[in-house]
């Protein structure tokens, strides 16, 4: 058994640790278990998390959406996270955050960032000039002098692709990182995603459904009024499903006996709400309710919890479906199979036919065939 990279003595002496990561919601859905396991293994260590915004920009028009990133709400409710750095979306705030972190005089900094790892190795050492610094290190050519110089700033390095085998789920990959770094051994069952939804947001979802006139809760055993949540949006176009397909799907399901009287909720990212309203008012008036977690992240899992079934492209929603134990049909490309929903019993994955295909290559017929069996 290989010795852990961060020495036990270093962990014993430290009183806090800073993790640096470019976290997306999907990342945290599984890394949350790792942070929780770390907190249980080292209860004397306060966990601080630096959320680096990879979309950092000096374009002020983009700041409102970056500032209100939903992950911050989730992190704020985590009992094992003591401090969050979330003001990293502009160059000026990024520098201010570095200065704030330097004041903490961190004895231990660990970068979990796999994008541009040399940059994050440099950032980790800049934040903690005297502390113990660990980070990701990918293979470089002998001529990549700047990258090799950056990696020398690390006390220990972890190859994020080392030990990754075909068929491994991302939750297993993350668990492997924490085992290599800290000697924390977990079981597959402990890697299942979870989300603790505050009561106020659970009530919000119920109130919203009543306001929409959805009465399916009064007849839970009836097929009348099934509630289907559809998420066609992702951060990149390659993973999005066209809104035209959503309209086609709703029309197709209205013709199926199993979905008679169903209600449809379409998830929309906040910045696309105006366009989505205009589109559905023209193409499916009155048939679809649009939803967006604009106030707080927990609006999303609270609404998912109330649904009978979720159809989602490959983004955080399909992982949150597993976290709230609602069946999900995931629409995915062939790339990144490690990101399939982990709950195989309650998940169906529809994969695009060809490796180069985008998610939009998945047809409505493929989806209705699955939903008709659900």
Foldseek 3Di string as FASTA:
>chain_A
DDDAFADPVLLVPFQEEEEEEQDDLLNCLQCVLVLVLVCVVRVSYQYEYEHAHPQAEQPPVPPVQLQVRQVVQQLVPDPRHDYYHRQHRYPVSVVVSLVVLLVVLGQYYEYEYPPPFLVVLQSRCSSHVPHAYEYEDEDDDPPPVSSVVSVVSHPYYDHLCPPDDPPAAVSVSSQVNSCNNPVRDDDPVSSQGAGDFDPVLLVVLVVVCVVLVQPCVVPVPDLAAAEEEEEQDDPDPLQGADVVQVLVLLVVLCPDPSNPNYAYEYEDEVVCVVVVVVVCCVRPNPRYHYDYPPPHSSNLLSNLLPHQEYEYTQGSSQSSNSNSVHAYEYQYEPPPPSSHHPPPVRYHYDYQPDNPHGSNNDHSVNVVVVVSVD
